[in-house]
Amino acid sequence: GTSRRLGSGALRALAPAGKTGTSNDSRDSWFAGYTGRHLAVAWVG
């Protein structure tokens, strides 16, 4: 999907799960994801 760089990059072995998001007019950019040990949400606005 839109976060496919995770499936082909250095984190591929972690088999991460997550979802990207963008608000109207690109005011906000977010990603929520997790691996076997950690979960984090990153936001840029």
Full PDB file with SEQRES, HELIX, SHEET, SSBOND, CRYST1, ORIGX, SCALE, CONECT and MASTER records, all heavy atoms in Angstrom:
SEQRES   1 A   45  GLY THR SER ARG ARG LEU GLY SER GLY ALA LEU ARG ALA          
SEQRES   2 A   45  LEU ALA PRO ALA GLY LYS THR GLY THR SER ASN ASP SER          
SEQRES   3 A   45  ARG ASP SER TRP PHE ALA GLY TYR THR GLY ARG HIS LEU          
SEQRES   4 A   45  ALA VAL ALA TRP VAL GLY                                      
HELIX    1 AA1 ARG A    5  SER A    8  1                                   4    
HELIX    2 AA2 ARG A   12  LEU A   14  5                                   3    
HELIX    3 AA3 ASN A   24  SER A   26  5                                   3    
SHEET    1 AA1 3 ALA A  17  THR A  22  0                                        
SHEET    2 AA1 3 SER A  29  TYR A  34 -1                                        
SHEET    3 AA1 3 LEU A  39  VAL A  44 -1                                        
CRYST1    1.000    1.000    1.000  90.00  90.00  90.00 P 1           1          
ORIGX1      1.000000  0.000000  0.000000        0.00000                         
ORIGX2      0.000000  1.000000  0.000000        0.00000                         
ORIGX3      0.000000  0.000000  1.000000        0.00000                         
SCALE1      1.000000  0.000000  0.000000        0.00000                         
SCALE2      0.000000  1.000000  0.000000        0.00000                         
SCALE3      0.000000  0.000000  1.000000        0.00000                         
ATOM      1  N   GLY A   1       0.830  -1.207   0.000  1.00  0.00           N  
ATOM      2  CA  GLY A   1       0.000   0.000   0.000  1.00  0.00           C  
ATOM      3  C   GLY A   1       0.859   1.250   0.000  1.00  0.00           C  
ATOM      4  O   GLY A   1       2.009   1.247  -0.450  1.00  0.00           O  
ATOM      5  N   THR A   2       0.317   2.331   0.538  1.00  0.00           N  
ATOM      6  CA  THR A   2       1.053   3.595   0.544  1.00  0.00           C  
ATOM      7  C   THR A   2       2.275   3.556   1.456  1.00  0.00           C  
ATOM      8  O   THR A   2       3.157   4.393   1.323  1.00  0.00           O  
ATOM      9  CB  THR A   2       0.137   4.763   0.972  1.00  0.00           C  
ATOM     10  OG1 THR A   2      -0.438   4.461   2.237  1.00  0.00           O  
ATOM     11  CG2 THR A   2      -0.944   5.017  -0.062  1.00  0.00           C  
ATOM     12  N   SER A   3       2.341   2.586   2.353  1.00  0.00           N  
ATOM     13  CA  SER A   3       3.523   2.450   3.216  1.00  0.00           C  
ATOM     14  C   SER A   3       4.430   1.313   2.746  1.00  0.00           C  
ATOM     15  O   SER A   3       5.206   0.769   3.516  1.00  0.00           O  
ATOM     16  CB  SER A   3       3.101   2.247   4.672  1.00  0.00           C  
ATOM     17  OG  SER A   3       2.197   1.180   4.796  1.00  0.00           O  
ATOM     18  N   ARG A   4       4.374   0.990   1.449  1.00  0.00           N  
ATOM     19  CA  ARG A   4       5.113  -0.150   0.913  1.00  0.00           C  
ATOM     20  C   ARG A   4       6.624  -0.033   1.054  1.00  0.00           C  
ATOM     21  O   ARG A   4       7.324  -1.034   0.960  1.00  0.00           O  
ATOM     22  CB  ARG A   4       4.735  -0.413  -0.539  1.00  0.00           C  
ATOM     23  CG  ARG A   4       5.101   0.673  -1.505  1.00  0.00           C  
ATOM     24  CD  ARG A   4       4.548   0.367  -2.904  1.00  0.00           C  
ATOM     25  NE  ARG A   4       4.556   1.543  -3.732  1.00  0.00           N  
ATOM     26  CZ  ARG A   4       3.555   2.414  -3.799  1.00  0.00           C  
ATOM     27  NH1 ARG A   4       2.473   2.237  -3.091  1.00  0.00           N  
ATOM     28  NH2 ARG A   4       3.632   3.469  -4.579  1.00  0.00           N  
ATOM     29  N   ARG A   5       7.139   1.148   1.300  1.00  0.00           N  
ATOM     30  CA  ARG A   5       8.582   1.261   1.509  1.00  0.00           C  
ATOM     31  C   ARG A   5       9.028   0.443   2.724  1.00  0.00           C  
ATOM     32  O   ARG A   5      10.164   0.001   2.792  1.00  0.00           O  
ATOM     33  CB  ARG A   5       9.017   2.717   1.622  1.00  0.00           C  
ATOM     34  CG  ARG A   5       8.512   3.420   2.863  1.00  0.00           C  
ATOM     35  CD  ARG A   5       8.895   4.893   2.965  1.00  0.00           C  
ATOM     36  NE  ARG A   5      10.295   5.030   3.300  1.00  0.00           N  
ATOM     37  CZ  ARG A   5      11.162   5.751   2.587  1.00  0.00           C  
ATOM     38  NH1 ARG A   5      10.771   6.412   1.539  1.00  0.00           N  
ATOM     39  NH2 ARG A   5      12.414   5.818   2.954  1.00  0.00           N  
ATOM     40  N   LEU A   6       8.107   0.200   3.683  1.00  0.00           N  
ATOM     41  CA  LEU A   6       8.450  -0.621   4.845  1.00  0.00           C  
ATOM     42  C   LEU A   6       8.629  -2.085   4.457  1.00  0.00           C  
ATOM     43  O   LEU A   6       9.411  -2.798   5.073  1.00  0.00           O  
ATOM     44  CB  LEU A   6       7.363  -0.515   5.923  1.00  0.00           C  
ATOM     45  CG  LEU A   6       7.177   0.850   6.559  1.00  0.00           C  
ATOM     46  CD1 LEU A   6       6.038   0.803   7.562  1.00  0.00           C  
ATOM     47  CD2 LEU A   6       8.465   1.321   7.207  1.00  0.00           C  
ATOM     48  N   GLY A   7       7.892  -2.532   3.469  1.00  0.00           N  
ATOM     49  CA  GLY A   7       7.971  -3.919   3.040  1.00  0.00           C  
ATOM     50  C   GLY A   7       9.169  -4.230   2.184  1.00  0.00           C  
ATOM     51  O   GLY A   7       9.465  -5.392   1.927  1.00  0.00           O  
ATOM     52  N   SER A   8       9.867  -3.198   1.746  1.00  0.00           N  
ATOM     53  CA  SER A   8      11.029  -3.436   0.895  1.00  0.00           C  
ATOM     54  C   SER A   8      12.309  -2.845   1.487  1.00  0.00           C  
ATOM     55  O   SER A   8      13.370  -3.023   0.928  1.00  0.00           O  
ATOM     56  CB  SER A   8      10.793  -2.829  -0.497  1.00  0.00           C  
ATOM     57  OG  SER A   8      10.595  -1.435  -0.390  1.00  0.00           O  
ATOM     58  N   GLY A   9      12.215  -2.169   2.610  1.00  0.00           N  
ATOM     59  CA  GLY A   9      13.372  -1.514   3.193  1.00  0.00           C  
ATOM     60  C   GLY A   9      14.011  -2.302   4.318  1.00  0.00           C  
ATOM     61  O   GLY A   9      13.793  -3.508   4.475  1.00  0.00           O  
ATOM     62  N   ALA A  10      14.781  -1.593   5.131  1.00  0.00           N  
ATOM     63  CA  ALA A  10      15.534  -2.211   6.215  1.00  0.00           C  
ATOM     64  C   ALA A  10      14.633  -2.827   7.282  1.00  0.00           C  
ATOM     65  O   ALA A  10      15.049  -3.748   7.982  1.00  0.00           O  
ATOM     66  CB  ALA A  10      16.449  -1.169   6.852  1.00  0.00           C  
ATOM     67  N   LEU A  11      13.399  -2.354   7.406  1.00  0.00           N  
ATOM     68  CA  LEU A  11      12.497  -2.868   8.436  1.00  0.00           C  
ATOM     69  C   LEU A  11      11.668  -4.058   7.958  1.00  0.00           C  
ATOM     70  O   LEU A  11      10.836  -4.574   8.708  1.00  0.00           O  
ATOM     71  CB  LEU A  11      11.561  -1.757   8.921  1.00  0.00           C  
ATOM     72  CG  LEU A  11      12.245  -0.546   9.548  1.00  0.00           C  
ATOM     73  CD1 LEU A  11      11.229   0.470   9.991  1.00  0.00           C  
ATOM     74  CD2 LEU A  11      13.123  -0.969  10.711  1.00  0.00           C  
ATOM     75  N   ARG A  12      11.890  -4.501   6.756  1.00  0.00           N  
ATOM     76  CA  ARG A  12      11.110  -5.597   6.167  1.00  0.00           C  
ATOM     77  C   ARG A  12      11.074  -6.829   7.069  1.00  0.00           C  
ATOM     78  O   ARG A  12      10.038  -7.468   7.232  1.00  0.00           O  
ATOM     79  CB  ARG A  12      11.690  -5.939   4.808  1.00  0.00           C  
ATOM     80  CG  ARG A  12      11.037  -7.080   4.135  1.00  0.00           C  
ATOM     81  CD  ARG A  12      11.669  -7.300   2.789  1.00  0.00           C  
ATOM     82  NE  ARG A  12      11.381  -8.644   2.326  1.00  0.00           N  
ATOM     83  CZ  ARG A  12      11.934  -9.192   1.302  1.00  0.00           C  
ATOM     84  NH1 ARG A  12      12.826  -8.525   0.602  1.00  0.00           N  
ATOM     85  NH2 ARG A  12      11.627 -10.401   0.942  1.00  0.00           N  
ATOM     86  N   ALA A  13      12.189  -7.174   7.692  1.00  0.00           N  
ATOM     87  CA  ALA A  13      12.264  -8.372   8.528  1.00  0.00           C  
ATOM     88  C   ALA A  13      11.363  -8.278   9.761  1.00  0.00           C  
ATOM     89  O   ALA A  13      11.016  -9.298  10.348  1.00  0.00           O  
ATOM     90  CB  ALA A  13      13.706  -8.616   8.963  1.00  0.00           C  
ATOM     91  N   LEU A  14      10.965  -7.080  10.143  1.00  0.00           N  
ATOM     92  CA  LEU A  14      10.082  -6.915  11.303  1.00  0.00           C  
ATOM     93  C   LEU A  14       8.624  -7.167  10.957  1.00  0.00           C  
ATOM     94  O   LEU A  14       7.776  -7.208  11.851  1.00  0.00           O  
ATOM     95  CB  LEU A  14      10.237  -5.509  11.893  1.00  0.00           C  
ATOM     96  CG  LEU A  14      11.591  -5.191  12.517  1.00  0.00           C  
ATOM     97  CD1 LEU A  14      11.631  -3.742  12.989  1.00  0.00           C  
ATOM     98  CD2 LEU A  14      11.898  -6.146  13.656  1.00  0.00           C  
ATOM     99  N   ALA A  15       8.306  -7.311   9.676  1.00  0.00           N  
ATOM    100  CA  ALA A  15       6.926  -7.517   9.212  1.00  0.00           C  
ATOM    101  C   ALA A  15       5.983  -6.496   9.852  1.00  0.00           C  
ATOM    102  O   ALA A  15       4.971  -6.861  10.446  1.00  0.00           O  
ATOM    103  CB  ALA A  15       6.460  -8.946   9.499  1.00  0.00           C  
ATOM    104  N   PRO A  16       6.304  -5.197   9.724  1.00  0.00           N  
ATOM    105  CA  PRO A  16       5.479  -4.185  10.393  1.00  0.00           C  
ATOM    106  C   PRO A  16       4.073  -4.104   9.813  1.00  0.00           C  
ATOM    107  O   PRO A  16       3.828  -4.489   8.671  1.00  0.00           O  
ATOM    108  CB  PRO A  16       6.242  -2.884  10.131  1.00  0.00           C  
ATOM    109  CG  PRO A  16       6.994  -3.139   8.869  1.00  0.00           C  
ATOM    110  CD  PRO A  16       7.339  -4.604   8.892  1.00  0.00           C  
ATOM    111  N   ALA A  17       3.171  -3.599  10.629  1.00  0.00           N  
ATOM    112  CA  ALA A  17       1.787  -3.345  10.221  1.00  0.00           C  
ATOM    113  C   ALA A  17       1.532  -1.864  10.424  1.00  0.00           C  
ATOM    114  O   ALA A  17       1.990  -1.281  11.407  1.00  0.00           O  
ATOM    115  CB  ALA A  17       0.826  -4.171  11.072  1.00  0.00           C  
ATOM    116  N   GLY A  18       0.812  -1.230   9.501  1.00  0.00           N  
ATOM    117  CA  GLY A  18       0.541   0.186   9.704  1.00  0.00           C  
ATOM    118  C   GLY A  18      -0.248   0.812   8.587  1.00  0.00           C  
ATOM    119  O   GLY A  18      -0.515   0.188   7.559  1.00  0.00           O  
ATOM    120  N   LYS A  19      -0.601   2.057   8.809  1.00  0.00           N  
ATOM    121  CA  LYS A  19      -1.437   2.806   7.865  1.00  0.00           C  
ATOM    122  C   LYS A  19      -1.002   4.247   7.828  1.00  0.00           C  
ATOM    123  O   LYS A  19      -0.781   4.869   8.860  1.00  0.00           O  
ATOM    124  CB  LYS A  19      -2.906   2.710   8.308  1.00  0.00           C  
ATOM    125  CG  LYS A  19      -3.874   3.416   7.399  1.00  0.00           C  
ATOM    126  CD  LYS A  19      -4.019   2.679   6.070  1.00  0.00           C  
ATOM    127  CE  LYS A  19      -5.000   3.377   5.137  1.00  0.00           C  
ATOM    128  NZ  LYS A  19      -4.378   4.320   4.244  1.00  0.00           N  
ATOM    129  N   THR A  20      -0.894   4.785   6.612  1.00  0.00           N  
ATOM    130  CA  THR A  20      -0.592   6.206   6.426  1.00  0.00           C  
ATOM    131  C   THR A  20      -1.894   7.001   6.372  1.00  0.00           C  
ATOM    132  O   THR A  20      -2.970   6.441   6.159  1.00  0.00           O  
ATOM    133  CB  THR A  20       0.159   6.459   5.110  1.00  0.00           C  
ATOM    134  OG1 THR A  20      -0.673   6.040   4.032  1.00  0.00           O  
ATOM    135  CG2 THR A  20       1.486   5.744   5.066  1.00  0.00           C  
ATOM    136  N   GLY A  21      -1.758   8.289   6.514  1.00  0.00           N  
ATOM    137  CA  GLY A  21      -2.907   9.164   6.362  1.00  0.00           C  
ATOM    138  C   GLY A  21      -2.473  10.577   6.030  1.00  0.00           C  
ATOM    139  O   GLY A  21      -1.386  11.016   6.412  1.00  0.00           O  
ATOM    140  N   THR A  22      -3.323  11.273   5.297  1.00  0.00           N  
ATOM    141  CA  THR A  22      -3.082  12.666   4.916  1.00  0.00           C  
ATOM    142  C   THR A  22      -4.405  13.401   5.018  1.00  0.00           C  
ATOM    143  O   THR A  22      -5.417  12.933   4.492  1.00  0.00           O  
ATOM    144  CB  THR A  22      -2.569  12.751   3.461  1.00  0.00           C  
ATOM    145  OG1 THR A  22      -1.457  11.875   3.302  1.00  0.00           O  
ATOM    146  CG2 THR A  22      -2.173  14.177   3.107  1.00  0.00           C  
ATOM    147  N   SER A  23      -4.401  14.548   5.685  1.00  0.00           N  
ATOM    148  CA  SER A  23      -5.638  15.320   5.789  1.00  0.00           C  
ATOM    149  C   SER A  23      -5.852  16.152   4.527  1.00  0.00           C  
ATOM    150  O   SER A  23      -4.970  16.238   3.662  1.00  0.00           O  
ATOM    151  CB  SER A  23      -5.601  16.236   7.017  1.00  0.00           C  
ATOM    152  OG  SER A  23      -4.597  17.212   6.852  1.00  0.00           O  
ATOM    153  N   ASN A  24      -7.017  16.770   4.434  1.00  0.00           N  
ATOM    154  CA  ASN A  24      -7.319  17.645   3.298  1.00  0.00           C  
ATOM    155  C   ASN A  24      -6.243  18.704   3.146  1.00  0.00           C  
ATOM    156  O   ASN A  24      -5.733  19.226   4.121  1.00  0.00           O  
ATOM    157  CB  ASN A  24      -8.674  18.320   3.507  1.00  0.00           C  
ATOM    158  CG  ASN A  24      -9.804  17.319   3.498  1.00  0.00           C  
ATOM    159  OD1 ASN A  24      -9.642  16.193   3.070  1.00  0.00           O  
ATOM    160  ND2 ASN A  24     -10.944  17.744   3.991  1.00  0.00           N  
ATOM    161  N   ASP A  25      -5.910  19.009   1.940  1.00  0.00           N  
ATOM    162  CA  ASP A  25      -4.919  20.040   1.620  1.00  0.00           C  
ATOM    163  C   ASP A  25      -3.533  19.735   2.188  1.00  0.00           C  
ATOM    164  O   ASP A  25      -2.724  20.642   2.343  1.00  0.00           O  
ATOM    165  CB  ASP A  25      -5.382  21.421   2.092  1.00  0.00           C  
ATOM    166  CG  ASP A  25      -6.710  21.820   1.489  1.00  0.00           C  
ATOM    167  OD1 ASP A  25      -6.940  21.504   0.301  1.00  0.00           O  
ATOM    168  OD2 ASP A  25      -7.534  22.430   2.197  1.00  0.00           O  
ATOM    169  N   SER A  26      -3.267  18.478   2.544  1.00  0.00           N  
ATOM    170  CA  SER A  26      -1.955  18.054   3.065  1.00  0.00           C  
ATOM    171  C   SER A  26      -1.503  18.850   4.286  1.00  0.00           C  
ATOM    172  O   SER A  26      -0.318  19.089   4.483  1.00  0.00           O  
ATOM    173  CB  SER A  26      -0.888  18.130   1.963  1.00  0.00           C  
ATOM    174  OG  SER A  26      -1.211  17.254   0.918  1.00  0.00           O  
ATOM    175  N   ARG A  27      -2.453  19.245   5.126  1.00  0.00           N  
ATOM    176  CA  ARG A  27      -2.077  19.957   6.361  1.00  0.00           C  
ATOM    177  C   ARG A  27      -1.463  19.004   7.374  1.00  0.00           C  
ATOM    178  O   ARG A  27      -0.659  19.411   8.189  1.00  0.00           O  
ATOM    179  CB  ARG A  27      -3.291  20.656   6.970  1.00  0.00           C  
ATOM    180  CG  ARG A  27      -3.785  21.836   6.157  1.00  0.00           C  
ATOM    181  CD  ARG A  27      -4.891  22.561   6.888  1.00  0.00           C  
ATOM    182  NE  ARG A  27      -5.927  21.643   7.339  1.00  0.00           N  
ATOM    183  CZ  ARG A  27      -7.139  21.534   6.802  1.00  0.00           C  
ATOM    184  NH1 ARG A  27      -7.472  22.306   5.799  1.00  0.00           N  
ATOM    185  NH2 ARG A  27      -8.018  20.687   7.271  1.00  0.00           N  
ATOM    186  N   ASP A  28      -1.896  17.757   7.340  1.00  0.00           N  
ATOM    187  CA  ASP A  28      -1.415  16.774   8.311  1.00  0.00           C  
ATOM    188  C   ASP A  28      -0.974  15.512   7.581  1.00  0.00           C  
ATOM    189  O   ASP A  28      -1.619  15.059   6.641  1.00  0.00           O  
ATOM    190  CB  ASP A  28      -2.527  16.392   9.292  1.00  0.00           C  
ATOM    191  CG  ASP A  28      -3.049  17.579  10.055  1.00  0.00           C  
ATOM    192  OD1 ASP A  28      -2.342  18.025  10.967  1.00  0.00           O  
ATOM    193  OD2 ASP A  28      -4.154  18.054   9.731  1.00  0.00           O  
ATOM    194  N   SER A  29       0.113  14.954   8.062  1.00  0.00           N  
ATOM    195  CA  SER A  29       0.645  13.690   7.562  1.00  0.00           C  
ATOM    196  C   SER A  29       0.813  12.804   8.785  1.00  0.00           C  
ATOM    197  O   SER A  29       1.393  13.222   9.784  1.00  0.00           O  
ATOM    198  CB  SER A  29       2.003  13.952   6.900  1.00  0.00           C  
ATOM    199  OG  SER A  29       2.774  12.779   6.809  1.00  0.00           O  
ATOM    200  N   TRP A  30       0.286  11.571   8.736  1.00  0.00           N  
ATOM    201  CA  TRP A  30       0.438  10.695   9.882  1.00  0.00           C  
ATOM    202  C   TRP A  30       0.708   9.262   9.450  1.00  0.00           C  
ATOM    203  O   TRP A  30       0.401   8.856   8.333  1.00  0.00           O  
ATOM    204  CB  TRP A  30      -0.759  10.768  10.832  1.00  0.00           C  
ATOM    205  CG  TRP A  30      -2.086  10.423  10.212  1.00  0.00           C  
ATOM    206  CD1 TRP A  30      -2.986  11.289   9.678  1.00  0.00           C  
ATOM    207  CD2 TRP A  30      -2.658   9.120  10.047  1.00  0.00           C  
ATOM    208  NE1 TRP A  30      -4.074  10.601   9.201  1.00  0.00           N  
ATOM    209  CE2 TRP A  30      -3.899   9.269   9.419  1.00  0.00           C  
ATOM    210  CE3 TRP A  30      -2.232   7.832  10.369  1.00  0.00           C  
ATOM    211  CZ2 TRP A  30      -4.719   8.187   9.107  1.00  0.00           C  
ATOM    212  CZ3 TRP A  30      -3.050   6.755  10.058  1.00  0.00           C  
ATOM    213  CH2 TRP A  30      -4.281   6.953   9.437  1.00  0.00           C  
ATOM    214  N   PHE A  31       1.298   8.518  10.356  1.00  0.00           N  
ATOM    215  CA  PHE A  31       1.472   7.085  10.177  1.00  0.00           C  
ATOM    216  C   PHE A  31       1.352   6.427  11.534  1.00  0.00           C  
ATOM    217  O   PHE A  31       1.988   6.846  12.501  1.00  0.00           O  
ATOM    218  CB  PHE A  31       2.834   6.731   9.561  1.00  0.00           C  
ATOM    219  CG  PHE A  31       3.002   5.246   9.373  1.00  0.00           C  
ATOM    220  CD1 PHE A  31       2.378   4.601   8.321  1.00  0.00           C  
ATOM    221  CD2 PHE A  31       3.751   4.497  10.266  1.00  0.00           C  
ATOM    222  CE1 PHE A  31       2.500   3.220   8.154  1.00  0.00           C  
ATOM    223  CE2 PHE A  31       3.875   3.119  10.106  1.00  0.00           C  
ATOM    224  CZ  PHE A  31       3.246   2.488   9.051  1.00  0.00           C  
ATOM    225  N   ALA A  32       0.511   5.408  11.621  1.00  0.00           N  
ATOM    226  CA  ALA A  32       0.368   4.601  12.827  1.00  0.00           C  
ATOM    227  C   ALA A  32       0.825   3.196  12.481  1.00  0.00           C  
ATOM    228  O   ALA A  32       0.342   2.617  11.501  1.00  0.00           O  
ATOM    229  CB  ALA A  32      -1.075   4.591  13.299  1.00  0.00           C  
ATOM    230  N   GLY A  33       1.766   2.670  13.234  1.00  0.00           N  
ATOM    231  CA  GLY A  33       2.278   1.343  12.917  1.00  0.00           C  
ATOM    232  C   GLY A  33       2.851   0.640  14.123  1.00  0.00           C  
ATOM    233  O   GLY A  33       3.129   1.248  15.158  1.00  0.00           O  
ATOM    234  N   TYR A  34       3.039  -0.673  13.965  1.00  0.00           N  
ATOM    235  CA  TYR A  34       3.573  -1.466  15.062  1.00  0.00           C  
ATOM    236  C   TYR A  34       4.340  -2.670  14.542  1.00  0.00           C  
ATOM    237  O   TYR A  34       4.179  -3.098  13.403  1.00  0.00           O  
ATOM    238  CB  TYR A  34       2.470  -1.899  16.034  1.00  0.00           C  
ATOM    239  CG  TYR A  34       1.260  -2.583  15.420  1.00  0.00           C  
ATOM    240  CD1 TYR A  34       1.099  -3.962  15.498  1.00  0.00           C  
ATOM    241  CD2 TYR A  34       0.269  -1.851  14.777  1.00  0.00           C  
ATOM    242  CE1 TYR A  34      -0.018  -4.584  14.976  1.00  0.00           C  
ATOM    243  CE2 TYR A  34      -0.857  -2.468  14.246  1.00  0.00           C  
ATOM    244  CZ  TYR A  34      -0.994  -3.843  14.340  1.00  0.00           C  
ATOM    245  OH  TYR A  34      -2.102  -4.457  13.812  1.00  0.00           O  
ATOM    246  N   THR A  35       5.211  -3.165  15.407  1.00  0.00           N  
ATOM    247  CA  THR A  35       5.976  -4.380  15.154  1.00  0.00           C  
ATOM    248  C   THR A  35       5.663  -5.339  16.298  1.00  0.00           C  
ATOM    249  O   THR A  35       4.705  -5.140  17.036  1.00  0.00           O  
ATOM    250  CB  THR A  35       7.486  -4.074  15.098  1.00  0.00           C  
ATOM    251  OG1 THR A  35       7.897  -3.590  16.372  1.00  0.00           O  
ATOM    252  CG2 THR A  35       7.822  -3.058  14.016  1.00  0.00           C  
ATOM    253  N   GLY A  36       6.501  -6.344  16.471  1.00  0.00           N  
ATOM    254  CA  GLY A  36       6.261  -7.312  17.532  1.00  0.00           C  
ATOM    255  C   GLY A  36       6.485  -6.783  18.933  1.00  0.00           C  
ATOM    256  O   GLY A  36       6.079  -7.404  19.902  1.00  0.00           O  
ATOM    257  N   ARG A  37       7.106  -5.624  19.079  1.00  0.00           N  
ATOM    258  CA  ARG A  37       7.389  -5.103  20.414  1.00  0.00           C  
ATOM    259  C   ARG A  37       6.941  -3.659  20.622  1.00  0.00           C  
ATOM    260  O   ARG A  37       6.717  -3.250  21.766  1.00  0.00           O  
ATOM    261  CB  ARG A  37       8.885  -5.205  20.692  1.00  0.00           C  
ATOM    262  CG  ARG A  37       9.246  -4.720  22.093  1.00  0.00           C  
ATOM    263  CD  ARG A  37      10.688  -4.897  22.417  1.00  0.00           C  
ATOM    264  NE  ARG A  37      10.904  -6.289  22.814  1.00  0.00           N  
ATOM    265  CZ  ARG A  37      12.095  -6.792  23.056  1.00  0.00           C  
ATOM    266  NH1 ARG A  37      13.168  -6.051  22.908  1.00  0.00           N  
ATOM    267  NH2 ARG A  37      12.228  -8.039  23.417  1.00  0.00           N  
ATOM    268  N   HIS A  38       6.829  -2.868  19.572  1.00  0.00           N  
ATOM    269  CA  HIS A  38       6.538  -1.443  19.741  1.00  0.00           C  
ATOM    270  C   HIS A  38       5.401  -0.977  18.846  1.00  0.00           C  
ATOM    271  O   HIS A  38       5.193  -1.520  17.765  1.00  0.00           O  
ATOM    272  CB  HIS A  38       7.783  -0.600  19.409  1.00  0.00           C  
ATOM    273  CG  HIS A  38       8.945  -0.894  20.282  1.00  0.00           C  
ATOM    274  ND1 HIS A  38       9.957  -1.726  19.889  1.00  0.00           N  
ATOM    275  CD2 HIS A  38       9.262  -0.479  21.533  1.00  0.00           C  
ATOM    276  CE1 HIS A  38      10.856  -1.806  20.860  1.00  0.00           C  
ATOM    277  NE2 HIS A  38      10.452  -1.070  21.862  1.00  0.00           N  
ATOM    278  N   LEU A  39       4.733   0.064  19.307  1.00  0.00           N  
ATOM    279  CA  LEU A  39       3.688   0.742  18.545  1.00  0.00           C  
ATOM    280  C   LEU A  39       3.955   2.239  18.656  1.00  0.00           C  
ATOM    281  O   LEU A  39       4.299   2.724  19.734  1.00  0.00           O  
ATOM    282  CB  LEU A  39       2.307   0.430  19.126  1.00  0.00           C  
ATOM    283  CG  LEU A  39       1.140   1.173  18.491  1.00  0.00           C  
ATOM    284  CD1 LEU A  39      -0.068   0.269  18.399  1.00  0.00           C  
ATOM    285  CD2 LEU A  39       0.790   2.432  19.278  1.00  0.00           C  
ATOM    286  N   ALA A  40       3.808   2.960  17.549  1.00  0.00           N  
ATOM    287  CA  ALA A  40       3.991   4.409  17.584  1.00  0.00           C  
ATOM    288  C   ALA A  40       3.148   5.060  16.492  1.00  0.00           C  
ATOM    289  O   ALA A  40       2.866   4.452  15.463  1.00  0.00           O  
ATOM    290  CB  ALA A  40       5.466   4.788  17.384  1.00  0.00           C  
ATOM    291  N   VAL A  41       2.763   6.289  16.767  1.00  0.00           N  
ATOM    292  CA  VAL A  41       2.064   7.120  15.783  1.00  0.00           C  
ATOM    293  C   VAL A  41       2.928   8.352  15.554  1.00  0.00           C  
ATOM    294  O   VAL A  41       3.318   9.027  16.512  1.00  0.00           O  
ATOM    295  CB  VAL A  41       0.665   7.540  16.268  1.00  0.00           C  
ATOM    296  CG1 VAL A  41      -0.003   8.462  15.257  1.00  0.00           C  
ATOM    297  CG2 VAL A  41      -0.194   6.318  16.550  1.00  0.00           C  
ATOM    298  N   ALA A  42       3.250   8.618  14.302  1.00  0.00           N  
ATOM    299  CA  ALA A  42       4.018   9.817  13.951  1.00  0.00           C  
ATOM    300  C   ALA A  42       3.081  10.786  13.238  1.00  0.00           C  
ATOM    301  O   ALA A  42       2.249  10.373  12.424  1.00  0.00           O  
ATOM    302  CB  ALA A  42       5.184   9.447  13.034  1.00  0.00           C  
ATOM    303  N   TRP A  43       3.210  12.056  13.563  1.00  0.00           N  
ATOM    304  CA  TRP A  43       2.367  13.094  12.966  1.00  0.00           C  
ATOM    305  C   TRP A  43       3.244  14.269  12.578  1.00  0.00           C  
ATOM    306  O   TRP A  43       4.121  14.679  13.333  1.00  0.00           O  
ATOM    307  CB  TRP A  43       1.292  13.542  13.949  1.00  0.00           C  
ATOM    308  CG  TRP A  43       0.533  14.746  13.493  1.00  0.00           C  
ATOM    309  CD1 TRP A  43      -0.476  14.794  12.589  1.00  0.00           C  
ATOM    310  CD2 TRP A  43       0.743  16.105  13.930  1.00  0.00           C  
ATOM    311  NE1 TRP A  43      -0.917  16.085  12.435  1.00  0.00           N  
ATOM    312  CE2 TRP A  43      -0.189  16.904  13.247  1.00  0.00           C  
ATOM    313  CE3 TRP A  43       1.620  16.704  14.822  1.00  0.00           C  
ATOM    314  CZ2 TRP A  43      -0.261  18.285  13.429  1.00  0.00           C  
ATOM    315  CZ3 TRP A  43       1.549  18.077  15.001  1.00  0.00           C  
ATOM    316  CH2 TRP A  43       0.601  18.838  14.310  1.00  0.00           C  
ATOM    317  N   VAL A  44       3.011  14.798  11.395  1.00  0.00           N  
ATOM    318  CA  VAL A  44       3.660  16.020  10.936  1.00  0.00           C  
ATOM    319  C   VAL A  44       2.534  16.939  10.498  1.00  0.00           C  
ATOM    320  O   VAL A  44       1.698  16.568   9.673  1.00  0.00           O  
ATOM    321  CB  VAL A  44       4.612  15.765   9.741  1.00  0.00           C  
ATOM    322  CG1 VAL A  44       5.210  17.072   9.247  1.00  0.00           C  
ATOM    323  CG2 VAL A  44       5.686  14.763  10.117  1.00  0.00           C  
ATOM    324  N   GLY A  45       2.471  18.117  11.092  1.00  0.00           N  
ATOM    325  CA  GLY A  45       1.401  19.040  10.751  1.00  0.00           C  
ATOM    326  C   GLY A  45       1.873  20.479  10.823  1.00  0.00           C  
ATOM    327  O   GLY A  45       2.982  20.770  11.252  1.00  0.00           O  
TER     328      GLY A  45                                                      
MASTER        0    0    0    3    3    0    0    6  327    1    0    4          
END                                                                             
